[in-house]
Protein backbone atom coordinates (compact mmCIF):
# COMPACT_ATOMS: atom_id res chain seq x y z
CA MET A 1 -17.97 17.87 -0.33
CA VAL A 2 -15.81 19.76 2.14
CA GLU A 3 -12.87 17.85 3.63
CA THR A 4 -12.99 18.09 7.44
CA ARG A 5 -10.21 15.69 8.41
CA ARG A 6 -7.14 17.01 10.19
CA ALA A 7 -4.77 14.97 8.01
CA PRO A 8 -5.17 13.69 4.44
CA ARG A 9 -5.95 9.99 4.18
CA HIS A 10 -4.31 7.75 1.63
CA ARG A 11 -6.13 4.90 -0.07
CA VAL A 12 -4.65 1.54 0.85
CA LEU A 13 -5.72 -2.08 0.77
CA LYS A 14 -3.98 -3.78 3.69
CA ALA A 15 -4.82 -6.73 5.91
CA GLY A 16 -5.37 -5.73 9.51
CA LYS A 17 -6.65 -6.96 12.86
CA ILE A 18 -8.91 -5.35 15.43
CA ASP A 19 -7.19 -6.40 18.65
CA PHE A 20 -8.94 -6.09 22.02
CA GLY A 21 -8.92 -7.81 25.41
CA GLY A 22 -11.35 -10.52 24.32
CA GLY A 23 -9.65 -11.46 21.07
CA ALA A 24 -9.01 -10.24 17.54
CA ILE A 25 -11.12 -9.75 14.41
CA ASP A 26 -9.75 -9.62 10.86
CA CYS A 27 -10.31 -6.42 8.89
CA THR A 28 -9.16 -4.60 5.78
CA VAL A 29 -7.66 -1.12 6.08
CA ARG A 30 -9.13 0.93 3.21
CA ASN A 31 -7.55 4.32 3.94
CA LEU A 32 -5.00 5.57 6.43
CA SER A 33 -3.58 8.84 7.75
CA ASN A 34 -1.54 10.03 10.71
CA THR A 35 -4.74 10.63 12.68
CA GLY A 36 -7.14 7.85 11.66
CA ALA A 37 -8.31 5.18 9.26
CA ALA A 38 -11.31 3.61 7.58
CA ILE A 39 -11.53 -0.14 7.98
CA GLU A 40 -13.85 -2.76 6.56
CA VAL A 41 -15.15 -5.81 8.40
CA SER A 42 -17.44 -8.69 7.47
CA ASN A 43 -19.55 -8.15 10.61
CA GLN A 44 -19.53 -5.37 13.21
CA ILE A 45 -20.97 -7.51 16.01
CA GLY A 46 -18.64 -7.71 18.99
CA ILE A 47 -16.32 -4.87 17.96
CA PRO A 48 -15.77 -2.59 20.99
CA GLU A 49 -15.62 1.21 20.87
CA LYS A 50 -11.88 1.17 21.72
CA PHE A 51 -9.29 -1.28 20.37
CA THR A 52 -5.83 -1.56 18.84
CA LEU A 53 -5.65 -1.57 15.06
CA VAL A 54 -2.82 -3.90 14.03
CA VAL A 55 -1.38 -3.74 10.50
CA PRO A 56 1.17 -6.59 10.50
CA GLY A 57 2.59 -5.77 7.06
CA ASP A 58 3.66 -2.32 8.31
CA GLY A 59 4.44 -3.31 11.91
CA LEU A 60 1.77 -0.90 13.21
CA HIS A 61 -0.07 -1.22 16.54
CA LEU A 62 -2.36 1.82 16.79
CA PRO A 63 -4.67 2.36 19.79
CA CYS A 64 -7.87 3.93 18.49
CA HIS A 65 -11.56 4.50 19.04
CA ILE A 66 -14.53 4.46 16.70
CA MET A 67 -15.84 7.75 15.29
CA TRP A 68 -18.49 6.30 12.96
CA ARG A 69 -19.97 3.04 11.70
CA LYS A 70 -21.78 2.50 8.41
CA GLY A 71 -22.57 -0.89 6.92
CA TYR A 72 -19.34 -2.85 6.78
CA ARG A 73 -17.13 0.23 7.28
CA ILE A 74 -15.79 1.75 10.49
CA GLY A 75 -14.00 5.09 10.83
CA VAL A 76 -11.48 5.34 13.65
CA THR A 77 -9.29 8.04 15.11
CA PHE A 78 -5.99 7.20 16.74
CA ASP A 79 -5.56 7.86 20.47
């Protein structure tokens, strides 16, 4: 498989939140780079196309938008 990402992603297992105007949804950050992340959720219903990914353990608040969705996983790129 050919790697097409602009920056290498690093495997992580961190608690996160999908924060948007209507509330917040818990998620797990599965991999992370300078340009994007893959997150895992229990249910994709109600998750908007644009939101802020919050990783409290690292003090990160990253505005992003969804690039792909598959099952319980979501790929985002940072704005």
